[in-house]
Amino acid sequence: GTVHFKVTPVYTANSEPVDGARVEILATSSEDEEAYHTFAINRPEEP
C-alpha cells in the first residue's frame, strides 16, 4: 500500500537545511524487477 517518506537533507559541512533541492525516490524490487518512482517535495510550512 502507500508508504510515506520524509527526507531531510542538510549540508554536511555546516548542517544547514538544503533549500530548493531536488529529491527523487526510486524503489526497485529484486524479485520481479518492478520499480516505483516519485519526487519528494517540501511544503511552505515545513521547508
All heavy atoms as atom14 arrays in JSON, in Angstrom:
{
  "sequence": "GTVHFKVTPVYTANSEPVDGARVEILATSSEDEEAYHTFAINRPEEP",
  "atom14_mask": [
    [1, 1, 1, 1, 0, 0, 0, 0, 0, 0, 0, 0, 0, 0],
    [1, 1, 1, 1, 1, 1, 1, 0, 0, 0, 0, 0, 0, 0],
    [1, 1, 1, 1, 1, 1, 1, 0, 0, 0, 0, 0, 0, 0],
    [1, 1, 1, 1, 1, 1, 1, 1, 1, 1, 0, 0, 0, 0],
    [1, 1, 1, 1, 1, 1, 1, 1, 1, 1, 1, 0, 0, 0],
    [1, 1, 1, 1, 1, 1, 1, 1, 1, 0, 0, 0, 0, 0],
    [1, 1, 1, 1, 1, 1, 1, 0, 0, 0, 0, 0, 0, 0],
    [1, 1, 1, 1, 1, 1, 1, 0, 0, 0, 0, 0, 0, 0],
    [1, 1, 1, 1, 1, 1, 1, 0, 0, 0, 0, 0, 0, 0],
    [1, 1, 1, 1, 1, 1, 1, 0, 0, 0, 0, 0, 0, 0],
    [1, 1, 1, 1, 1, 1, 1, 1, 1, 1, 1, 1, 0, 0],
    [1, 1, 1, 1, 1, 1, 1, 0, 0, 0, 0, 0, 0, 0],
    [1, 1, 1, 1, 1, 0, 0, 0, 0, 0, 0, 0, 0, 0],
    [1, 1, 1, 1, 1, 1, 1, 1, 0, 0, 0, 0, 0, 0],
    [1, 1, 1, 1, 1, 1, 0, 0, 0, 0, 0, 0, 0, 0],
    [1, 1, 1, 1, 1, 1, 1, 1, 1, 0, 0, 0, 0, 0],
    [1, 1, 1, 1, 1, 1, 1, 0, 0, 0, 0, 0, 0, 0],
    [1, 1, 1, 1, 1, 1, 1, 0, 0, 0, 0, 0, 0, 0],
    [1, 1, 1, 1, 1, 1, 1, 1, 0, 0, 0, 0, 0, 0],
    [1, 1, 1, 1, 0, 0, 0, 0, 0, 0, 0, 0, 0, 0],
    [1, 1, 1, 1, 1, 0, 0, 0, 0, 0, 0, 0, 0, 0],
    [1, 1, 1, 1, 1, 1, 1, 1, 1, 1, 1, 0, 0, 0],
    [1, 1, 1, 1, 1, 1, 1, 0, 0, 0, 0, 0, 0, 0],
    [1, 1, 1, 1, 1, 1, 1, 1, 1, 0, 0, 0, 0, 0],
    [1, 1, 1, 1, 1, 1, 1, 1, 0, 0, 0, 0, 0, 0],
    [1, 1, 1, 1, 1, 1, 1, 1, 0, 0, 0, 0, 0, 0],
    [1, 1, 1, 1, 1, 0, 0, 0, 0, 0, 0, 0, 0, 0],
    [1, 1, 1, 1, 1, 1, 1, 0, 0, 0, 0, 0, 0, 0],
    [1, 1, 1, 1, 1, 1, 0, 0, 0, 0, 0, 0, 0, 0],
    [1, 1, 1, 1, 1, 1, 0, 0, 0, 0, 0, 0, 0, 0],
    [1, 1, 1, 1, 1, 1, 1, 1, 1, 0, 0, 0, 0, 0],
    [1, 1, 1, 1, 1, 1, 1, 1, 0, 0, 0, 0, 0, 0],
    [1, 1, 1, 1, 1, 1, 1, 1, 1, 0, 0, 0, 0, 0],
    [1, 1, 1, 1, 1, 1, 1, 1, 1, 0, 0, 0, 0, 0],
    [1, 1, 1, 1, 1, 0, 0, 0, 0, 0, 0, 0, 0, 0],
    [1, 1, 1, 1, 1, 1, 1, 1, 1, 1, 1, 1, 0, 0],
    [1, 1, 1, 1, 1, 1, 1, 1, 1, 1, 0, 0, 0, 0],
    [1, 1, 1, 1, 1, 1, 1, 0, 0, 0, 0, 0, 0, 0],
    [1, 1, 1, 1, 1, 1, 1, 1, 1, 1, 1, 0, 0, 0],
    [1, 1, 1, 1, 1, 0, 0, 0, 0, 0, 0, 0, 0, 0],
    [1, 1, 1, 1, 1, 1, 1, 1, 0, 0, 0, 0, 0, 0],
    [1, 1, 1, 1, 1, 1, 1, 1, 0, 0, 0, 0, 0, 0],
    [1, 1, 1, 1, 1, 1, 1, 1, 1, 1, 1, 0, 0, 0],
    [1, 1, 1, 1, 1, 1, 1, 0, 0, 0, 0, 0, 0, 0],
    [1, 1, 1, 1, 1, 1, 1, 1, 1, 0, 0, 0, 0, 0],
    [1, 1, 1, 1, 1, 1, 1, 1, 1, 0, 0, 0, 0, 0],
    [1, 1, 1, 1, 1, 1, 1, 0, 0, 0, 0, 0, 0, 0]
  ],
  "atom14_positions": [
    [[0.84, -1.19, 0.0], [0.0, 0.0, 0.0], [0.88, 1.24, 0.0], [2.03, 1.21, -0.43], [0.0, 0.0, 0.0], [0.0, 0.0, 0.0], [0.0, 0.0, 0.0], [0.0, 0.0, 0.0], [0.0, 0.0, 0.0], [0.0, 0.0, 0.0], [0.0, 0.0, 0.0], [0.0, 0.0, 0.0], [0.0, 0.0, 0.0], [0.0, 0.0, 0.0]],
    [[0.35, 2.33, 0.51], [1.05, 3.6, 0.49], [2.1, 3.66, 1.61], [1.79, 3.39, 2.76], [0.07, 4.77, 0.66], [-0.89, 4.7, -0.4], [0.78, 6.1, 0.59], [0.0, 0.0, 0.0], [0.0, 0.0, 0.0], [0.0, 0.0, 0.0], [0.0, 0.0, 0.0], [0.0, 0.0, 0.0], [0.0, 0.0, 0.0], [0.0, 0.0, 0.0]],
    [[3.31, 4.01, 1.21], [4.41, 4.21, 2.16], [4.84, 5.66, 2.02], [5.07, 6.15, 0.91], [5.58, 3.25, 1.88], [6.72, 3.49, 2.88], [5.11, 1.8, 1.94], [0.0, 0.0, 0.0], [0.0, 0.0, 0.0], [0.0, 0.0, 0.0], [0.0, 0.0, 0.0], [0.0, 0.0, 0.0], [0.0, 0.0, 0.0], [0.0, 0.0, 0.0]],
    [[4.94, 6.36, 3.15], [5.3, 7.78, 3.17], [6.77, 7.92, 3.56], [7.26, 7.23, 4.45], [4.42, 8.51, 4.19], [4.72, 9.98, 4.27], [4.12, 10.89, 3.42], [5.54, 10.68, 5.08], [4.59, 12.09, 3.71], [5.43, 11.99, 4.73], [0.0, 0.0, 0.0], [0.0, 0.0, 0.0], [0.0, 0.0, 0.0], [0.0, 0.0, 0.0]],
    [[7.47, 8.82, 2.86], [8.87, 9.08, 3.13], [9.05, 10.56, 3.47], [8.51, 11.42, 2.79], [9.74, 8.75, 1.91], [9.65, 7.32, 1.49], [8.7, 6.9, 0.57], [10.49, 6.36, 2.04], [8.6, 5.58, 0.19], [10.41, 5.03, 1.66], [9.46, 4.64, 0.74], [0.0, 0.0, 0.0], [0.0, 0.0, 0.0], [0.0, 0.0, 0.0]],
    [[9.82, 10.82, 4.52], [10.19, 12.19, 4.86], [11.7, 12.25, 4.79], [12.41, 11.58, 5.55], [9.7, 12.58, 6.26], [10.07, 14.01, 6.63], [9.39, 14.48, 7.9], [10.03, 13.92, 9.12], [9.52, 14.51, 10.38], [0.0, 0.0, 0.0], [0.0, 0.0, 0.0], [0.0, 0.0, 0.0], [0.0, 0.0, 0.0], [0.0, 0.0, 0.0]],
    [[12.2, 13.04, 3.84], [13.64, 13.16, 3.6], [14.08, 14.54, 4.1], [13.49, 15.55, 3.71], [13.97, 13.0, 2.09], [15.46, 13.1, 1.86], [13.42, 11.68, 1.56], [0.0, 0.0, 0.0], [0.0, 0.0, 0.0], [0.0, 0.0, 0.0], [0.0, 0.0, 0.0], [0.0, 0.0, 0.0], [0.0, 0.0, 0.0], [0.0, 0.0, 0.0]],
    [[15.09, 14.55, 4.94], [15.61, 15.8, 5.48], [17.07, 15.93, 5.05], [17.95, 15.32, 5.67], [15.49, 15.84, 7.01], [14.13, 15.57, 7.37], [15.9, 17.19, 7.56], [0.0, 0.0, 0.0], [0.0, 0.0, 0.0], [0.0, 0.0, 0.0], [0.0, 0.0, 0.0], [0.0, 0.0, 0.0], [0.0, 0.0, 0.0], [0.0, 0.0, 0.0]],
    [[17.33, 16.7, 3.99], [18.73, 16.89, 3.57], [19.33, 18.14, 4.23], [18.67, 19.16, 4.37], [18.61, 17.09, 2.06], [17.24, 17.68, 1.86], [16.39, 17.18, 2.99], [0.0, 0.0, 0.0], [0.0, 0.0, 0.0], [0.0, 0.0, 0.0], [0.0, 0.0, 0.0], [0.0, 0.0, 0.0], [0.0, 0.0, 0.0], [0.0, 0.0, 0.0]],
    [[20.58, 18.01, 4.65], [21.35, 19.15, 5.16], [22.72, 19.12, 4.5], [23.16, 18.09, 3.99], [21.48, 19.12, 6.71], [20.13, 19.24, 7.39], [22.23, 17.89, 7.18], [0.0, 0.0, 0.0], [0.0, 0.0, 0.0], [0.0, 0.0, 0.0], [0.0, 0.0, 0.0], [0.0, 0.0, 0.0], [0.0, 0.0, 0.0], [0.0, 0.0, 0.0]],
    [[23.38, 20.27, 4.52], [24.76, 20.33, 4.03], [25.65, 19.66, 5.06], [25.58, 19.96, 6.26], [25.19, 21.77, 3.79], [24.5, 22.42, 2.62], [23.5, 23.36, 2.83], [24.84, 22.08, 1.32], [22.85, 23.96, 1.76], [24.2, 22.67, 0.24], [23.2, 23.6, 0.46], [22.57, 24.18, -0.6], [0.0, 0.0, 0.0], [0.0, 0.0, 0.0]],
    [[26.5, 18.76, 4.61], [27.4, 18.05, 5.51], [28.34, 19.01, 6.22], [28.63, 18.84, 7.41], [28.21, 16.99, 4.72], [27.29, 16.1, 4.07], [29.11, 16.18, 5.64], [0.0, 0.0, 0.0], [0.0, 0.0, 0.0], [0.0, 0.0, 0.0], [0.0, 0.0, 0.0], [0.0, 0.0, 0.0], [0.0, 0.0, 0.0], [0.0, 0.0, 0.0]],
    [[28.8, 20.03, 5.55], [29.79, 20.96, 6.1], [29.27, 21.76, 7.29], [30.01, 21.97, 8.26], [30.28, 21.92, 5.01], [0.0, 0.0, 0.0], [0.0, 0.0, 0.0], [0.0, 0.0, 0.0], [0.0, 0.0, 0.0], [0.0, 0.0, 0.0], [0.0, 0.0, 0.0], [0.0, 0.0, 0.0], [0.0, 0.0, 0.0], [0.0, 0.0, 0.0]],
    [[28.0, 22.18, 7.26], [27.51, 23.06, 8.32], [26.14, 22.68, 8.89], [25.59, 23.42, 9.7], [27.46, 24.51, 7.81], [26.56, 24.66, 6.6], [25.77, 23.78, 6.27], [26.69, 25.8, 5.93], [0.0, 0.0, 0.0], [0.0, 0.0, 0.0], [0.0, 0.0, 0.0], [0.0, 0.0, 0.0], [0.0, 0.0, 0.0], [0.0, 0.0, 0.0]],
    [[25.58, 21.57, 8.47], [24.28, 21.08, 8.94], [23.11, 22.02, 8.67], [22.06, 21.93, 9.29], [24.32, 20.75, 10.45], [25.23, 19.72, 10.68], [0.0, 0.0, 0.0], [0.0, 0.0, 0.0], [0.0, 0.0, 0.0], [0.0, 0.0, 0.0], [0.0, 0.0, 0.0], [0.0, 0.0, 0.0], [0.0, 0.0, 0.0], [0.0, 0.0, 0.0]],
    [[23.28, 22.93, 7.73], [22.2, 23.84, 7.32], [21.25, 23.1, 6.38], [21.69, 22.29, 5.57], [22.77, 25.08, 6.62], [23.52, 26.02, 7.53], [22.61, 26.7, 8.53], [21.49, 27.11, 8.16], [23.02, 26.8, 9.7], [0.0, 0.0, 0.0], [0.0, 0.0, 0.0], [0.0, 0.0, 0.0], [0.0, 0.0, 0.0], [0.0, 0.0, 0.0]],
    [[19.95, 23.39, 6.46], [19.0, 22.74, 5.55], [19.29, 23.09, 4.09], [19.76, 24.2, 3.8], [17.64, 23.31, 5.96], [17.85, 24.09, 7.19], [19.31, 24.31, 7.39], [0.0, 0.0, 0.0], [0.0, 0.0, 0.0], [0.0, 0.0, 0.0], [0.0, 0.0, 0.0], [0.0, 0.0, 0.0], [0.0, 0.0, 0.0], [0.0, 0.0, 0.0]],
    [[18.99, 22.15, 3.21], [19.18, 22.36, 1.77], [17.86, 22.88, 1.22], [16.87, 22.15, 1.12], [19.59, 21.07, 1.06], [19.79, 21.32, -0.43], [20.85, 20.49, 1.69], [0.0, 0.0, 0.0], [0.0, 0.0, 0.0], [0.0, 0.0, 0.0], [0.0, 0.0, 0.0], [0.0, 0.0, 0.0], [0.0, 0.0, 0.0], [0.0, 0.0, 0.0]],
    [[17.84, 24.15, 0.87], [16.63, 24.76, 0.34], [16.64, 24.64, -1.18], [17.66, 24.84, -1.82], [16.58, 26.24, 0.74], [15.27, 26.89, 0.36], [14.23, 26.2, 0.44], [15.28, 28.08, -0.01], [0.0, 0.0, 0.0], [0.0, 0.0, 0.0], [0.0, 0.0, 0.0], [0.0, 0.0, 0.0], [0.0, 0.0, 0.0], [0.0, 0.0, 0.0]],
    [[15.5, 24.28, -1.75], [15.39, 24.18, -3.21], [16.05, 22.95, -3.8], [16.44, 22.95, -4.97], [0.0, 0.0, 0.0], [0.0, 0.0, 0.0], [0.0, 0.0, 0.0], [0.0, 0.0, 0.0], [0.0, 0.0, 0.0], [0.0, 0.0, 0.0], [0.0, 0.0, 0.0], [0.0, 0.0, 0.0], [0.0, 0.0, 0.0], [0.0, 0.0, 0.0]],
    [[16.17, 21.89, -3.03], [16.78, 20.66, -3.54], [15.79, 19.89, -4.41], [14.58, 20.07, -4.33], [17.23, 19.78, -2.38], [0.0, 0.0, 0.0], [0.0, 0.0, 0.0], [0.0, 0.0, 0.0], [0.0, 0.0, 0.0], [0.0, 0.0, 0.0], [0.0, 0.0, 0.0], [0.0, 0.0, 0.0], [0.0, 0.0, 0.0], [0.0, 0.0, 0.0]],
    [[16.33, 19.04, -5.22], [15.53, 18.09, -6.0], [15.74, 16.73, -5.34], [16.87, 16.24, -5.28], [15.99, 18.08, -7.45], [15.23, 17.11, -8.32], [15.78, 17.16, -9.73], [15.3, 16.04, -10.48], [14.61, 16.15, -11.61], [14.37, 17.34, -12.11], [14.21, 15.08, -12.23], [0.0, 0.0, 0.0], [0.0, 0.0, 0.0], [0.0, 0.0, 0.0]],
    [[14.66, 16.15, -4.84], [14.76, 14.89, -4.11], [13.93, 13.84, -4.85], [12.72, 14.0, -5.01], [14.27, 15.05, -2.65], [14.34, 13.72, -1.91], [15.08, 16.12, -1.92], [0.0, 0.0, 0.0], [0.0, 0.0, 0.0], [0.0, 0.0, 0.0], [0.0, 0.0, 0.0], [0.0, 0.0, 0.0], [0.0, 0.0, 0.0], [0.0, 0.0, 0.0]],
    [[14.6, 12.79, -5.29], [13.94, 11.7, -6.01], [14.05, 10.42, -5.2], [15.07, 10.16, -4.58], [14.6, 11.47, -7.37], [14.45, 12.61, -8.35], [15.1, 12.3, -9.67], [14.61, 11.39, -10.37], [16.11, 12.95, -9.99], [0.0, 0.0, 0.0], [0.0, 0.0, 0.0], [0.0, 0.0, 0.0], [0.0, 0.0, 0.0], [0.0, 0.0, 0.0]],
    [[12.99, 9.63, -5.26], [12.99, 8.33, -4.59], [12.64, 7.27, -5.63], [11.63, 7.38, -6.32], [11.97, 8.3, -3.44], [12.27, 9.4, -2.43], [11.96, 6.93, -2.77], [11.18, 9.59, -1.39], [0.0, 0.0, 0.0], [0.0, 0.0, 0.0], [0.0, 0.0, 0.0], [0.0, 0.0, 0.0], [0.0, 0.0, 0.0], [0.0, 0.0, 0.0]],
    [[13.48, 6.25, -5.73], [13.25, 5.15, -6.66], [13.28, 3.85, -5.87], [14.25, 3.57, -5.16], [14.34, 5.12, -7.73], [14.3, 3.96, -8.73], [13.06, 4.06, -9.6], [15.56, 3.94, -9.57], [0.0, 0.0, 0.0], [0.0, 0.0, 0.0], [0.0, 0.0, 0.0], [0.0, 0.0, 0.0], [0.0, 0.0, 0.0], [0.0, 0.0, 0.0]],
    [[12.22, 3.07, -5.98], [12.14, 1.77, -5.3], [12.14, 0.68, -6.35], [11.35, 0.73, -7.3], [10.87, 1.69, -4.45], [0.0, 0.0, 0.0], [0.0, 0.0, 0.0], [0.0, 0.0, 0.0], [0.0, 0.0, 0.0], [0.0, 0.0, 0.0], [0.0, 0.0, 0.0], [0.0, 0.0, 0.0], [0.0, 0.0, 0.0], [0.0, 0.0, 0.0]],
    [[13.04, -0.29, -6.19], [13.08, -1.41, -7.13], [13.0, -2.72, -6.35], [13.56, -2.85, -5.26], [14.37, -1.4, -7.98], [15.51, -1.36, -7.12], [14.4, -0.21, -8.92], [0.0, 0.0, 0.0], [0.0, 0.0, 0.0], [0.0, 0.0, 0.0], [0.0, 0.0, 0.0], [0.0, 0.0, 0.0], [0.0, 0.0, 0.0], [0.0, 0.0, 0.0]],
    [[12.31, -3.67, -6.95], [12.15, -4.98, -6.33], [13.12, -5.94, -6.97], [13.24, -6.01, -8.19], [10.72, -5.47, -6.55], [10.61, -6.83, -6.19], [0.0, 0.0, 0.0], [0.0, 0.0, 0.0], [0.0, 0.0, 0.0], [0.0, 0.0, 0.0], [0.0, 0.0, 0.0], [0.0, 0.0, 0.0], [0.0, 0.0, 0.0], [0.0, 0.0, 0.0]],
    [[13.8, -6.7, -6.14], [14.76, -7.67, -6.67], [14.06, -8.89, -7.26], [14.6, -9.56, -8.11], [15.73, -8.1, -5.57], [15.0, -8.65, -4.49], [0.0, 0.0, 0.0], [0.0, 0.0, 0.0], [0.0, 0.0, 0.0], [0.0, 0.0, 0.0], [0.0, 0.0, 0.0], [0.0, 0.0, 0.0], [0.0, 0.0, 0.0], [0.0, 0.0, 0.0]],
    [[12.84, -9.16, -6.81], [12.16, -10.37, -7.23], [11.56, -10.28, -8.63], [11.75, -11.16, -9.45], [11.08, -10.73, -6.22], [11.69, -11.17, -4.9], [10.9, -10.72, -3.7], [9.74, -10.33, -3.85], [11.47, -10.74, -2.61], [0.0, 0.0, 0.0], [0.0, 0.0, 0.0], [0.0, 0.0, 0.0], [0.0, 0.0, 0.0], [0.0, 0.0, 0.0]],
    [[10.83, -9.22, -8.92], [10.2, -9.15, -10.24], [10.62, -7.91, -11.02], [10.01, -7.56, -12.02], [8.68, -9.22, -10.12], [8.11, -8.11, -9.23], [8.86, -7.21, -8.84], [6.91, -8.16, -8.94], [0.0, 0.0, 0.0], [0.0, 0.0, 0.0], [0.0, 0.0, 0.0], [0.0, 0.0, 0.0], [0.0, 0.0, 0.0], [0.0, 0.0, 0.0]],
    [[11.65, -7.27, -10.54], [12.24, -6.11, -11.2], [11.22, -5.0, -11.47], [11.32, -4.27, -12.45], [12.95, -6.52, -12.48], [14.1, -7.47, -12.2], [14.88, -7.85, -13.44], [14.73, -7.18, -14.47], [15.65, -8.81, -13.36], [0.0, 0.0, 0.0], [0.0, 0.0, 0.0], [0.0, 0.0, 0.0], [0.0, 0.0, 0.0], [0.0, 0.0, 0.0]],
    [[10.24, -4.89, -10.6], [9.28, -3.8, -10.7], [9.89, -2.56, -10.03], [10.68, -2.68, -9.11], [7.98, -4.2, -9.99], [6.87, -3.24, -10.22], [5.53, -3.82, -9.78], [5.49, -4.95, -9.26], [4.54, -3.11, -9.96], [0.0, 0.0, 0.0], [0.0, 0.0, 0.0], [0.0, 0.0, 0.0], [0.0, 0.0, 0.0], [0.0, 0.0, 0.0]],
    [[9.52, -1.38, -10.52], [10.09, -0.16, -9.96], [9.0, 0.9, -9.77], [8.05, 0.96, -10.55], [11.18, 0.38, -10.87], [0.0, 0.0, 0.0], [0.0, 0.0, 0.0], [0.0, 0.0, 0.0], [0.0, 0.0, 0.0], [0.0, 0.0, 0.0], [0.0, 0.0, 0.0], [0.0, 0.0, 0.0], [0.0, 0.0, 0.0], [0.0, 0.0, 0.0]],
    [[9.16, 1.69, -8.73], [8.28, 2.82, -8.45], [9.15, 4.05, -8.26], [10.24, 3.97, -7.69], [7.44, 2.58, -7.19], [6.58, 1.35, -7.26], [6.8, 0.27, -6.43], [5.52, 1.28, -8.16], [5.99, -0.85, -6.48], [4.7, 0.17, -8.22], [4.94, -0.91, -7.38], [4.15, -2.01, -7.44], [0.0, 0.0, 0.0], [0.0, 0.0, 0.0]],
    [[8.65, 5.19, -8.71], [9.43, 6.43, -8.68], [8.55, 7.58, -8.23], [7.38, 7.65, -8.59], [9.97, 6.69, -10.1], [10.75, 7.95, -10.22], [10.19, 9.13, -10.65], [12.04, 8.21, -9.95], [11.11, 10.07, -10.66], [12.24, 9.55, -10.23], [0.0, 0.0, 0.0], [0.0, 0.0, 0.0], [0.0, 0.0, 0.0], [0.0, 0.0, 0.0]],
    [[9.12, 8.47, -7.43], [8.41, 9.68, -7.03], [9.41, 10.78, -6.71], [10.59, 10.51, -6.47], [7.49, 9.43, -5.81], [6.66, 10.56, -5.63], [8.29, 9.18, -4.54], [0.0, 0.0, 0.0], [0.0, 0.0, 0.0], [0.0, 0.0, 0.0], [0.0, 0.0, 0.0], [0.0, 0.0, 0.0], [0.0, 0.0, 0.0], [0.0, 0.0, 0.0]],
    [[8.93, 11.99, -6.72], [9.71, 13.13, -6.27], [9.18, 13.51, -4.89], [7.97, 13.52, -4.67], [9.56, 14.33, -7.22], [10.26, 14.13, -8.52], [9.57, 13.67, -9.63], [11.61, 14.38, -8.65], [10.2, 13.47, -10.84], [12.27, 14.18, -9.85], [11.56, 13.73, -10.96], [0.0, 0.0, 0.0], [0.0, 0.0, 0.0], [0.0, 0.0, 0.0]],
    [[10.08, 13.81, -3.99], [9.67, 14.31, -2.67], [9.74, 15.83, -2.73], [10.68, 16.4, -3.27], [10.61, 13.77, -1.59], [0.0, 0.0, 0.0], [0.0, 0.0, 0.0], [0.0, 0.0, 0.0], [0.0, 0.0, 0.0], [0.0, 0.0, 0.0], [0.0, 0.0, 0.0], [0.0, 0.0, 0.0], [0.0, 0.0, 0.0], [0.0, 0.0, 0.0]],
    [[8.7, 16.47, -2.22], [8.65, 17.93, -2.27], [8.53, 18.48, -0.85], [8.06, 17.81, 0.06], [7.48, 18.43, -3.13], [6.14, 17.9, -2.61], [7.67, 18.04, -4.59], [4.94, 18.52, -3.26], [0.0, 0.0, 0.0], [0.0, 0.0, 0.0], [0.0, 0.0, 0.0], [0.0, 0.0, 0.0], [0.0, 0.0, 0.0], [0.0, 0.0, 0.0]],
    [[9.0, 19.72, -0.69], [8.86, 20.35, 0.61], [7.64, 21.27, 0.59], [7.19, 21.71, -0.45], [10.13, 21.08, 1.03], [10.54, 22.17, 0.07], [10.01, 22.29, -1.03], [11.5, 22.97, 0.46], [0.0, 0.0, 0.0], [0.0, 0.0, 0.0], [0.0, 0.0, 0.0], [0.0, 0.0, 0.0], [0.0, 0.0, 0.0], [0.0, 0.0, 0.0]],
    [[7.12, 21.52, 1.77], [5.93, 22.35, 1.92], [6.35, 23.68, 2.54], [7.28, 23.73, 3.35], [4.93, 21.65, 2.84], [4.55, 20.29, 2.34], [3.7, 19.56, 3.38], [3.47, 18.19, 2.97], [3.24, 17.21, 3.8], [3.18, 17.42, 5.09], [3.04, 15.99, 3.35], [0.0, 0.0, 0.0], [0.0, 0.0, 0.0], [0.0, 0.0, 0.0]],
    [[5.63, 24.75, 2.23], [5.99, 26.05, 2.79], [6.0, 26.06, 4.33], [6.83, 26.71, 4.94], [4.9, 26.99, 2.26], [4.39, 26.33, 1.03], [4.53, 24.86, 1.26], [0.0, 0.0, 0.0], [0.0, 0.0, 0.0], [0.0, 0.0, 0.0], [0.0, 0.0, 0.0], [0.0, 0.0, 0.0], [0.0, 0.0, 0.0], [0.0, 0.0, 0.0]],
    [[5.1, 25.31, 4.94], [5.05, 25.29, 6.4], [6.14, 24.42, 7.02], [6.36, 24.44, 8.23], [3.66, 24.84, 6.91], [3.3, 23.41, 6.6], [2.65, 23.19, 5.25], [2.6, 24.11, 4.42], [2.19, 22.06, 5.02], [0.0, 0.0, 0.0], [0.0, 0.0, 0.0], [0.0, 0.0, 0.0], [0.0, 0.0, 0.0], [0.0, 0.0, 0.0]],
    [[6.81, 23.62, 6.2], [7.86, 22.72, 6.68], [8.96, 22.63, 5.61], [9.17, 21.58, 5.02], [7.22, 21.35, 6.93], [7.93, 20.48, 7.88], [7.22, 19.15, 8.09], [6.48, 18.67, 7.22], [7.45, 18.58, 9.16], [0.0, 0.0, 0.0], [0.0, 0.0, 0.0], [0.0, 0.0, 0.0], [0.0, 0.0, 0.0], [0.0, 0.0, 0.0]],
    [[9.67, 23.72, 5.35], [10.56, 23.77, 4.19], [11.8, 22.87, 4.27], [12.37, 22.53, 3.25], [10.97, 25.24, 4.12], [10.77, 25.77, 5.48], [9.64, 24.98, 6.07], [0.0, 0.0, 0.0], [0.0, 0.0, 0.0], [0.0, 0.0, 0.0], [0.0, 0.0, 0.0], [0.0, 0.0, 0.0], [0.0, 0.0, 0.0], [0.0, 0.0, 0.0]]
  ]
}
